[in-house]
Each structure stands twice: as C-alpha cells, then as structure tokens.
Amino acid sequence: MSEKKLYNEILKFEDRKHEALMGVWWSGLLLKKHARKFFQEYLSSEVQFNIMILLKYAEHPLSQRELSERLLVDKSNLTGVCGRMEAAGLLTRSASPGDQRAYALELTPAGRDILEHVEGPYRERIRSFMQGFDDQEIARFTEYLTRLQRELIRQEEERP
C-alpha cells in the first residue's frame, strides 16, 4: 500500500459509532475521487454516467424531477447537466405527455453507444474494489448501509 494512511490511522476515535460513520464518509470520498478519475476518460463527470445508467434501465422515460430524486441531486443543478448532455447528443428532452411543464428524458443512440463502451470497464472497476469481500460479507455490508440510509432519511424527514 502507498504512503497514504487510512482514516483510522490518522484520527483516533473513542466513539466506535463515530469511527464507523467516518469510515463510510472517507470511503465515499475515496470512491468519488476514483470515479472522477475513471470517468474523465469517457464523460465529463460521474453524474453524467449516473444519469445515463438510470435512463438506460428505467422502465419509462424519466423526468428531471425523478432523476433528481434518484440521484440526490438538486433539480437546478440537474437542469444544467442535462442541457449539456442534450447539446452533446447524449440524451433528448421532450415535453412530458402528462405534464407540459416537465421534460421526459431518454438516451440517444450516441448516448447508448458511449454507455456501452463505459459500462464494462466500470463494472470491472467495481469488481476490483470489492474483491476482498465474499458474497456473504457483501450482503451484510449492503444490509448495514441500507439500515444507515433508512435512519438518515427518517431523521431528515423528522427534522425540518
């Protein structure tokens, strides 16, 4: 391993819950750093990839509001990203049949081609990050993160 230290080698925690949350936080930051580096070869950002993946696997064209909710991204930020993606020919925005004020978003053939090119290396990168965990550990890890997310959402909704 390089000279870089793990968070719990830099900071000492007396509270194990705090240490665990900081582990999630630092891991997220490291994943974001890896994502930026990985996606710069293919797209302008990991947000574009996430939008494209959601559109590819959606059962119907998604509105910007639906994308915003699924990505935890502010709608105003998403509007700019989608506009740039539309200008680049990666997606189309058309008036939503149910609401003329909303846009339905779909990938273009060019967007699908780029996604096909990126998705394989992306999935390989995921496998490499998770290679130190067996299937049972991954299942437990996923369960723990889901429980944490539920609690965070519950508390967010509870507090104005």
N, C-alpha and C. Protein backbone atom coordinates (compact mmCIF):
# COMPACT_ATOMS: atom_id res chain seq x y z
N MET A 1 0.85 -1.17 0.00
CA MET A 1 0.00 0.00 0.00
C MET A 1 0.89 1.24 0.00
N SER A 2 0.41 2.33 -0.53
CA SER A 2 1.20 3.55 -0.64
C SER A 2 1.39 4.20 0.72
N GLU A 3 2.01 5.37 0.70
CA GLU A 3 2.26 6.14 1.92
C GLU A 3 0.98 6.71 2.52
N LYS A 4 -0.09 6.77 1.74
CA LYS A 4 -1.34 7.33 2.25
C LYS A 4 -1.86 6.46 3.37
N LYS A 5 -2.38 7.13 4.39
CA LYS A 5 -2.87 6.40 5.55
C LYS A 5 -4.39 6.29 5.52
N LEU A 6 -4.89 5.28 6.19
CA LEU A 6 -6.33 5.13 6.36
C LEU A 6 -6.80 6.12 7.41
N TYR A 7 -8.09 6.47 7.34
CA TYR A 7 -8.62 7.48 8.26
C TYR A 7 -8.39 7.13 9.72
N ASN A 8 -8.51 5.85 10.07
CA ASN A 8 -8.36 5.47 11.49
C ASN A 8 -6.89 5.33 11.90
N GLU A 9 -5.98 5.53 10.95
CA GLU A 9 -4.56 5.63 11.29
C GLU A 9 -4.18 7.09 11.55
N ILE A 10 -4.97 8.00 11.01
CA ILE A 10 -4.73 9.44 11.18
C ILE A 10 -5.45 9.96 12.42
N LEU A 11 -6.69 9.55 12.57
CA LEU A 11 -7.52 10.00 13.68
C LEU A 11 -7.78 8.85 14.64
N LYS A 12 -7.79 9.16 15.89
CA LYS A 12 -8.13 8.14 16.89
C LYS A 12 -9.51 8.46 17.45
N PHE A 13 -10.34 7.46 17.49
CA PHE A 13 -11.71 7.63 17.93
C PHE A 13 -11.94 6.89 19.24
N GLU A 14 -12.63 7.54 20.14
CA GLU A 14 -13.08 6.87 21.36
C GLU A 14 -14.48 6.31 21.16
N ASP A 15 -15.21 6.91 20.23
CA ASP A 15 -16.59 6.51 19.95
C ASP A 15 -16.60 5.64 18.70
N ARG A 16 -16.91 4.35 18.84
CA ARG A 16 -16.89 3.40 17.72
C ARG A 16 -17.93 3.76 16.66
N LYS A 17 -19.07 4.33 17.09
CA LYS A 17 -20.10 4.72 16.12
C LYS A 17 -19.57 5.85 15.24
N HIS A 18 -18.89 6.80 15.86
CA HIS A 18 -18.29 7.90 15.09
C HIS A 18 -17.23 7.36 14.13
N GLU A 19 -16.43 6.44 14.60
CA GLU A 19 -15.40 5.84 13.75
C GLU A 19 -16.02 5.13 12.55
N ALA A 20 -17.11 4.40 12.80
CA ALA A 20 -17.78 3.68 11.71
C ALA A 20 -18.34 4.66 10.68
N LEU A 21 -18.99 5.73 11.15
CA LEU A 21 -19.54 6.72 10.22
C LEU A 21 -18.43 7.42 9.43
N MET A 22 -17.33 7.71 10.10
CA MET A 22 -16.21 8.34 9.39
C MET A 22 -15.64 7.38 8.34
N GLY A 23 -15.68 6.09 8.62
CA GLY A 23 -15.24 5.11 7.63
C GLY A 23 -16.12 5.14 6.39
N VAL A 24 -17.43 5.26 6.60
CA VAL A 24 -18.35 5.38 5.46
C VAL A 24 -18.05 6.67 4.70
N TRP A 25 -17.89 7.76 5.44
CA TRP A 25 -17.64 9.08 4.84
C TRP A 25 -16.35 9.06 4.00
N TRP A 26 -15.27 8.60 4.61
CA TRP A 26 -13.98 8.59 3.92
C TRP A 26 -14.01 7.65 2.71
N SER A 27 -14.67 6.52 2.86
CA SER A 27 -14.79 5.60 1.73
C SER A 27 -15.54 6.26 0.58
N GLY A 28 -16.60 6.99 0.91
CA GLY A 28 -17.35 7.72 -0.11
C GLY A 28 -16.50 8.75 -0.82
N LEU A 29 -15.69 9.46 -0.06
CA LEU A 29 -14.80 10.46 -0.67
C LEU A 29 -13.78 9.79 -1.60
N LEU A 30 -13.23 8.67 -1.15
CA LEU A 30 -12.27 7.94 -1.99
C LEU A 30 -12.94 7.40 -3.26
N LEU A 31 -14.17 6.89 -3.12
CA LEU A 31 -14.89 6.40 -4.29
C LEU A 31 -15.15 7.54 -5.28
N LYS A 32 -15.51 8.70 -4.76
CA LYS A 32 -15.76 9.86 -5.63
C LYS A 32 -14.48 10.26 -6.36
N LYS A 33 -13.37 10.23 -5.67
CA LYS A 33 -12.07 10.55 -6.28
C LYS A 33 -11.75 9.55 -7.41
N HIS A 34 -11.94 8.27 -7.15
CA HIS A 34 -11.72 7.24 -8.18
C HIS A 34 -12.68 7.45 -9.35
N ALA A 35 -13.94 7.76 -9.05
CA ALA A 35 -14.94 7.95 -10.11
C ALA A 35 -14.56 9.11 -11.02
N ARG A 36 -14.16 10.23 -10.42
CA ARG A 36 -13.76 11.39 -11.24
C ARG A 36 -12.64 11.01 -12.21
N LYS A 37 -11.66 10.32 -11.68
CA LYS A 37 -10.50 9.93 -12.50
C LYS A 37 -10.93 8.94 -13.59
N PHE A 38 -11.75 7.97 -13.23
CA PHE A 38 -12.20 6.96 -14.19
C PHE A 38 -13.05 7.57 -15.29
N PHE A 39 -14.05 8.38 -14.92
CA PHE A 39 -15.00 8.88 -15.91
C PHE A 39 -14.45 9.99 -16.78
N GLN A 40 -13.38 10.67 -16.36
CA GLN A 40 -12.85 11.75 -17.20
C GLN A 40 -12.37 11.23 -18.55
N GLU A 41 -12.08 9.95 -18.62
CA GLU A 41 -11.67 9.34 -19.89
C GLU A 41 -12.85 9.21 -20.85
N TYR A 42 -14.06 9.10 -20.32
CA TYR A 42 -15.23 8.80 -21.14
C TYR A 42 -16.24 9.94 -21.21
N LEU A 43 -16.49 10.56 -20.07
CA LEU A 43 -17.54 11.58 -19.95
C LEU A 43 -17.00 12.75 -19.14
N SER A 44 -17.77 13.81 -19.06
CA SER A 44 -17.27 14.96 -18.30
C SER A 44 -17.44 14.78 -16.79
N SER A 45 -18.31 13.84 -16.36
CA SER A 45 -18.48 13.65 -14.91
C SER A 45 -19.15 12.32 -14.61
N GLU A 46 -19.01 11.91 -13.34
CA GLU A 46 -19.71 10.70 -12.90
C GLU A 46 -21.21 10.93 -12.85
N VAL A 47 -21.64 12.18 -12.69
CA VAL A 47 -23.07 12.49 -12.69
C VAL A 47 -23.67 12.13 -14.05
N GLN A 48 -22.96 12.44 -15.12
CA GLN A 48 -23.46 12.07 -16.45
C GLN A 48 -23.63 10.55 -16.57
N PHE A 49 -22.66 9.81 -16.08
CA PHE A 49 -22.76 8.35 -16.13
C PHE A 49 -23.97 7.88 -15.33
N ASN A 50 -24.15 8.41 -14.13
CA ASN A 50 -25.29 8.00 -13.30
C ASN A 50 -26.61 8.31 -13.98
N ILE A 51 -26.71 9.46 -14.63
CA ILE A 51 -27.92 9.80 -15.37
C ILE A 51 -28.14 8.79 -16.49
N MET A 52 -27.09 8.49 -17.23
CA MET A 52 -27.21 7.57 -18.36
C MET A 52 -27.61 6.17 -17.92
N ILE A 53 -27.04 5.70 -16.82
CA ILE A 53 -27.40 4.38 -16.29
C ILE A 53 -28.87 4.35 -15.88
N LEU A 54 -29.31 5.39 -15.18
CA LEU A 54 -30.72 5.43 -14.77
C LEU A 54 -31.64 5.44 -15.98
N LEU A 55 -31.30 6.22 -16.99
CA LEU A 55 -32.15 6.28 -18.18
C LEU A 55 -32.13 4.94 -18.93
N LYS A 56 -30.99 4.29 -19.00
CA LYS A 56 -30.90 3.01 -19.71
C LYS A 56 -31.80 1.96 -19.07
N TYR A 57 -31.79 1.88 -17.76
CA TYR A 57 -32.52 0.81 -17.08
C TYR A 57 -33.91 1.21 -16.60
N ALA A 58 -34.32 2.44 -16.87
CA ALA A 58 -35.66 2.88 -16.47
C ALA A 58 -36.70 2.19 -17.34
N GLU A 59 -37.85 1.95 -16.74
CA GLU A 59 -38.93 1.28 -17.47
C GLU A 59 -39.68 2.25 -18.39
N HIS A 60 -39.46 3.54 -18.18
CA HIS A 60 -40.10 4.58 -18.99
C HIS A 60 -39.20 5.80 -18.99
N PRO A 61 -39.40 6.73 -19.93
CA PRO A 61 -38.60 7.96 -19.89
C PRO A 61 -38.78 8.65 -18.53
N LEU A 62 -37.70 9.13 -17.98
CA LEU A 62 -37.75 9.76 -16.65
C LEU A 62 -37.80 11.27 -16.77
N SER A 63 -38.49 11.89 -15.84
CA SER A 63 -38.49 13.35 -15.76
C SER A 63 -37.25 13.80 -15.00
N GLN A 64 -36.92 15.08 -15.12
CA GLN A 64 -35.78 15.60 -14.37
C GLN A 64 -36.05 15.51 -12.87
N ARG A 65 -37.30 15.66 -12.47
CA ARG A 65 -37.64 15.52 -11.04
C ARG A 65 -37.35 14.11 -10.56
N GLU A 66 -37.74 13.10 -11.35
CA GLU A 66 -37.47 11.71 -10.97
C GLU A 66 -35.96 11.45 -10.89
N LEU A 67 -35.22 11.96 -11.86
CA LEU A 67 -33.77 11.80 -11.82
C LEU A 67 -33.18 12.46 -10.59
N SER A 68 -33.65 13.66 -10.29
CA SER A 68 -33.16 14.41 -9.13
C SER A 68 -33.37 13.61 -7.85
N GLU A 69 -34.54 13.02 -7.71
CA GLU A 69 -34.84 12.23 -6.51
C GLU A 69 -33.97 10.98 -6.43
N ARG A 70 -33.75 10.33 -7.54
CA ARG A 70 -32.97 9.08 -7.55
C ARG A 70 -31.48 9.32 -7.37
N LEU A 71 -31.01 10.49 -7.81
CA LEU A 71 -29.58 10.79 -7.71
C LEU A 71 -29.22 11.64 -6.50
N LEU A 72 -30.22 12.11 -5.77
CA LEU A 72 -30.00 13.02 -4.65
C LEU A 72 -29.24 14.26 -5.11
N VAL A 73 -29.66 14.78 -6.26
CA VAL A 73 -29.05 15.98 -6.84
C VAL A 73 -30.12 17.04 -6.95
N ASP A 74 -29.76 18.29 -6.67
CA ASP A 74 -30.69 19.40 -6.78
C ASP A 74 -31.18 19.54 -8.22
N LYS A 75 -32.49 19.79 -8.39
CA LYS A 75 -33.07 19.89 -9.73
C LYS A 75 -32.40 20.97 -10.57
N SER A 76 -32.05 22.10 -9.95
CA SER A 76 -31.44 23.18 -10.73
C SER A 76 -30.06 22.76 -11.26
N ASN A 77 -29.30 22.01 -10.48
CA ASN A 77 -28.01 21.51 -10.97
C ASN A 77 -28.22 20.50 -12.10
N LEU A 78 -29.23 19.68 -11.95
CA LEU A 78 -29.51 18.65 -12.94
C LEU A 78 -29.93 19.27 -14.27
N THR A 79 -30.64 20.38 -14.22
CA THR A 79 -31.07 21.05 -15.45
C THR A 79 -29.87 21.42 -16.31
N GLY A 80 -28.83 21.97 -15.68
CA GLY A 80 -27.62 22.33 -16.42
C GLY A 80 -26.91 21.13 -16.99
N VAL A 81 -26.78 20.08 -16.20
CA VAL A 81 -26.10 18.86 -16.66
C VAL A 81 -26.86 18.25 -17.83
N CYS A 82 -28.19 18.16 -17.70
CA CYS A 82 -29.00 17.58 -18.78
C CYS A 82 -28.92 18.44 -20.04
N GLY A 83 -28.89 19.75 -19.87
CA GLY A 83 -28.75 20.64 -21.02
C GLY A 83 -27.45 20.40 -21.76
N ARG A 84 -26.36 20.25 -21.02
CA ARG A 84 -25.06 19.97 -21.64
C ARG A 84 -25.06 18.60 -22.31
N MET A 85 -25.71 17.63 -21.68
CA MET A 85 -25.78 16.29 -22.27
C MET A 85 -26.61 16.30 -23.55
N GLU A 86 -27.68 17.09 -23.55
CA GLU A 86 -28.50 17.20 -24.75
C GLU A 86 -27.70 17.87 -25.87
N ALA A 87 -26.97 18.93 -25.54
CA ALA A 87 -26.15 19.63 -26.54
C ALA A 87 -25.06 18.70 -27.10
N ALA A 88 -24.58 17.78 -26.27
CA ALA A 88 -23.55 16.82 -26.71
C ALA A 88 -24.14 15.63 -27.46
N GLY A 89 -25.48 15.58 -27.55
CA GLY A 89 -26.13 14.50 -28.27
C GLY A 89 -26.27 13.20 -27.50
N LEU A 90 -26.17 13.27 -26.16
CA LEU A 90 -26.24 12.07 -25.33
C LEU A 90 -27.67 11.72 -24.91
N LEU A 91 -28.53 12.72 -24.80
CA LEU A 91 -29.92 12.48 -24.42
C LEU A 91 -30.82 13.48 -25.11
N THR A 92 -32.11 13.15 -25.10
CA THR A 92 -33.12 14.08 -25.62
C THR A 92 -34.05 14.45 -24.49
N ARG A 93 -34.54 15.69 -24.56
CA ARG A 93 -35.56 16.16 -23.62
C ARG A 93 -36.77 16.53 -24.46
N SER A 94 -37.90 15.92 -24.12
CA SER A 94 -39.14 16.26 -24.83
C SER A 94 -40.22 16.50 -23.80
N ALA A 95 -41.24 17.25 -24.21
CA ALA A 95 -42.33 17.56 -23.28
C ALA A 95 -42.95 16.25 -22.78
N SER A 96 -43.16 16.20 -21.49
CA SER A 96 -43.75 15.00 -20.88
C SER A 96 -45.23 14.94 -21.25
N PRO A 97 -45.72 13.78 -21.68
CA PRO A 97 -47.12 13.67 -22.08
C PRO A 97 -48.10 14.07 -20.97
N GLY A 98 -47.78 13.76 -19.74
CA GLY A 98 -48.68 14.05 -18.63
C GLY A 98 -48.57 15.45 -18.07
N ASP A 99 -47.46 16.15 -18.35
CA ASP A 99 -47.22 17.47 -17.77
C ASP A 99 -46.35 18.27 -18.73
N GLN A 100 -46.95 19.22 -19.41
CA GLN A 100 -46.23 20.00 -20.41
C GLN A 100 -45.11 20.86 -19.81
N ARG A 101 -45.12 21.05 -18.49
CA ARG A 101 -44.05 21.82 -17.84
C ARG A 101 -42.82 20.96 -17.57
N ALA A 102 -42.99 19.65 -17.64
CA ALA A 102 -41.89 18.73 -17.33
C ALA A 102 -41.32 18.14 -18.62
N TYR A 103 -40.07 17.71 -18.52
CA TYR A 103 -39.41 17.06 -19.65
C TYR A 103 -39.25 15.58 -19.37
N ALA A 104 -39.45 14.79 -20.43
CA ALA A 104 -39.14 13.36 -20.38
C ALA A 104 -37.76 13.19 -21.01
N LEU A 105 -36.89 12.49 -20.33
CA LEU A 105 -35.51 12.32 -20.78
C LEU A 105 -35.28 10.90 -21.28
N GLU A 106 -34.58 10.79 -22.40
CA GLU A 106 -34.23 9.49 -22.96
C GLU A 106 -32.83 9.55 -23.55
N LEU A 107 -32.13 8.43 -23.52
CA LEU A 107 -30.82 8.36 -24.14
C LEU A 107 -30.96 8.36 -25.66
N THR A 108 -30.03 8.99 -26.32
CA THR A 108 -29.95 8.92 -27.78
C THR A 108 -29.13 7.68 -28.15
N PRO A 109 -29.15 7.28 -29.42
CA PRO A 109 -28.27 6.18 -29.82
C PRO A 109 -26.80 6.47 -29.50
N ALA A 110 -26.37 7.72 -29.68
CA ALA A 110 -24.97 8.07 -29.35
C ALA A 110 -24.72 7.91 -27.85
N GLY A 111 -25.69 8.29 -27.03
CA GLY A 111 -25.57 8.12 -25.58
C GLY A 111 -25.48 6.65 -25.21
N ARG A 112 -26.29 5.83 -25.86
CA ARG A 112 -26.25 4.38 -25.60
C ARG A 112 -24.90 3.78 -26.01
N ASP A 113 -24.36 4.25 -27.13
CA ASP A 113 -23.05 3.76 -27.59
C ASP A 113 -21.96 4.07 -26.58
N ILE A 114 -21.94 5.30 -26.09
CA ILE A 114 -20.93 5.68 -25.09
C ILE A 114 -21.10 4.84 -23.83
N LEU A 115 -22.34 4.68 -23.41
CA LEU A 115 -22.61 3.90 -22.20
C LEU A 115 -22.15 2.45 -22.37
N GLU A 116 -22.39 1.88 -23.54
CA GLU A 116 -21.93 0.51 -23.81
C GLU A 116 -20.41 0.42 -23.68
N HIS A 117 -19.73 1.45 -24.11
CA HIS A 117 -18.27 1.49 -24.06
C HIS A 117 -17.75 1.62 -22.62
N VAL A 118 -18.49 2.33 -21.78
CA VAL A 118 -18.06 2.63 -20.41
C VAL A 118 -18.48 1.56 -19.41
N GLU A 119 -19.64 0.97 -19.64
CA GLU A 119 -20.23 0.10 -18.62
C GLU A 119 -19.38 -1.12 -18.28
N GLY A 120 -18.75 -1.75 -19.25
CA GLY A 120 -17.89 -2.90 -18.98
C GLY A 120 -16.72 -2.56 -18.08
N PRO A 121 -15.90 -1.56 -18.46
CA PRO A 121 -14.80 -1.16 -17.58
C PRO A 121 -15.27 -0.69 -16.20
N TYR A 122 -16.43 -0.06 -16.16
CA TYR A 122 -16.99 0.39 -14.88
C TYR A 122 -17.28 -0.81 -13.97
N ARG A 123 -17.95 -1.81 -14.53
CA ARG A 123 -18.29 -3.00 -13.73
C ARG A 123 -17.02 -3.75 -13.30
N GLU A 124 -16.01 -3.76 -14.15
CA GLU A 124 -14.74 -4.37 -13.78
C GLU A 124 -14.09 -3.62 -12.63
N ARG A 125 -14.18 -2.31 -12.65
CA ARG A 125 -13.62 -1.49 -11.56
C ARG A 125 -14.35 -1.81 -10.25
N ILE A 126 -15.66 -1.96 -10.30
CA ILE A 126 -16.42 -2.33 -9.10
C ILE A 126 -15.93 -3.66 -8.56
N ARG A 127 -15.79 -4.64 -9.45
CA ARG A 127 -15.30 -5.96 -9.02
C ARG A 127 -13.93 -5.85 -8.35
N SER A 128 -13.06 -5.01 -8.90
CA SER A 128 -11.73 -4.88 -8.31
C SER A 128 -11.79 -4.23 -6.93
N PHE A 129 -12.66 -3.25 -6.74
CA PHE A 129 -12.80 -2.61 -5.43
C PHE A 129 -13.33 -3.60 -4.38
N MET A 130 -14.19 -4.49 -4.80
CA MET A 130 -14.87 -5.38 -3.85
C MET A 130 -14.25 -6.77 -3.78
N GLN A 131 -13.10 -6.97 -4.40
CA GLN A 131 -12.50 -8.31 -4.47
C GLN A 131 -12.13 -8.88 -3.11
N GLY A 132 -11.95 -8.05 -2.12
CA GLY A 132 -11.58 -8.55 -0.79
C GLY A 132 -12.75 -9.03 0.05
N PHE A 133 -13.95 -9.00 -0.52
CA PHE A 133 -15.15 -9.40 0.22
C PHE A 133 -15.80 -10.61 -0.44
N ASP A 134 -16.27 -11.56 0.37
CA ASP A 134 -17.01 -12.67 -0.21
C ASP A 134 -18.49 -12.27 -0.30
N ASP A 135 -19.30 -13.14 -0.90
CA ASP A 135 -20.71 -12.82 -1.14
C ASP A 135 -21.48 -12.54 0.15
N GLN A 136 -21.20 -13.31 1.20
CA GLN A 136 -21.89 -13.08 2.48
C GLN A 136 -21.50 -11.73 3.08
N GLU A 137 -20.24 -11.38 3.00
CA GLU A 137 -19.80 -10.09 3.53
C GLU A 137 -20.43 -8.94 2.75
N ILE A 138 -20.52 -9.09 1.45
CA ILE A 138 -21.15 -8.05 0.63
C ILE A 138 -22.62 -7.92 0.99
N ALA A 139 -23.30 -9.03 1.21
CA ALA A 139 -24.71 -8.98 1.60
C ALA A 139 -24.87 -8.26 2.94
N ARG A 140 -24.02 -8.56 3.91
CA ARG A 140 -24.09 -7.89 5.22
C ARG A 140 -23.76 -6.41 5.08
N PHE A 141 -22.73 -6.11 4.33
CA PHE A 141 -22.31 -4.74 4.09
C PHE A 141 -23.47 -3.93 3.49
N THR A 142 -24.12 -4.50 2.49
CA THR A 142 -25.26 -3.84 1.85
C THR A 142 -26.39 -3.64 2.85
N GLU A 143 -26.65 -4.65 3.67
CA GLU A 143 -27.70 -4.54 4.69
C GLU A 143 -27.38 -3.41 5.67
N TYR A 144 -26.15 -3.33 6.11
CA TYR A 144 -25.76 -2.28 7.07
C TYR A 144 -25.92 -0.89 6.46
N LEU A 145 -25.48 -0.74 5.23
CA LEU A 145 -25.58 0.57 4.58
C LEU A 145 -27.05 0.95 4.35
N THR A 146 -27.88 -0.03 4.00
CA THR A 146 -29.31 0.23 3.82
C THR A 146 -29.94 0.69 5.12
N ARG A 147 -29.59 0.04 6.22
CA ARG A 147 -30.12 0.45 7.52
C ARG A 147 -29.68 1.86 7.87
N LEU A 148 -28.43 2.19 7.60
CA LEU A 148 -27.93 3.54 7.86
C LEU A 148 -28.69 4.56 7.00
N GLN A 149 -28.88 4.25 5.73
CA GLN A 149 -29.60 5.17 4.84
C GLN A 149 -31.03 5.38 5.30
N ARG A 150 -31.70 4.30 5.71
CA ARG A 150 -33.08 4.44 6.21
C ARG A 150 -33.14 5.36 7.42
N GLU A 151 -32.19 5.22 8.33
CA GLU A 151 -32.17 6.06 9.52
C GLU A 151 -31.88 7.51 9.16
N LEU A 152 -30.97 7.73 8.24
CA LEU A 152 -30.67 9.10 7.81
C LEU A 152 -31.90 9.74 7.16
N ILE A 153 -32.61 8.99 6.33
CA ILE A 153 -33.82 9.51 5.68
C ILE A 153 -34.89 9.78 6.73
N ARG A 154 -35.06 8.85 7.66
CA ARG A 154 -36.07 9.03 8.72
C ARG A 154 -35.80 10.32 9.49
N GLN A 155 -34.55 10.52 9.88
CA GLN A 155 -34.23 11.71 10.66
C GLN A 155 -34.33 12.99 9.83
N GLU A 156 -34.02 12.90 8.55
CA GLU A 156 -34.15 14.07 7.68
C GLU A 156 -35.61 14.49 7.58
N GLU A 157 -36.50 13.51 7.45
CA GLU A 157 -37.93 13.80 7.34
C GLU A 157 -38.52 14.27 8.66
N GLU A 158 -37.94 13.82 9.75
CA GLU A 158 -38.42 14.15 11.09
C GLU A 158 -38.07 15.58 11.49
N ARG A 159 -36.92 16.05 11.04
CA ARG A 159 -36.43 17.38 11.43
C ARG A 159 -36.57 18.35 10.28
N PRO A 160 -37.25 19.46 10.52
CA PRO A 160 -37.43 20.45 9.44
C PRO A 160 -36.15 21.13 9.04
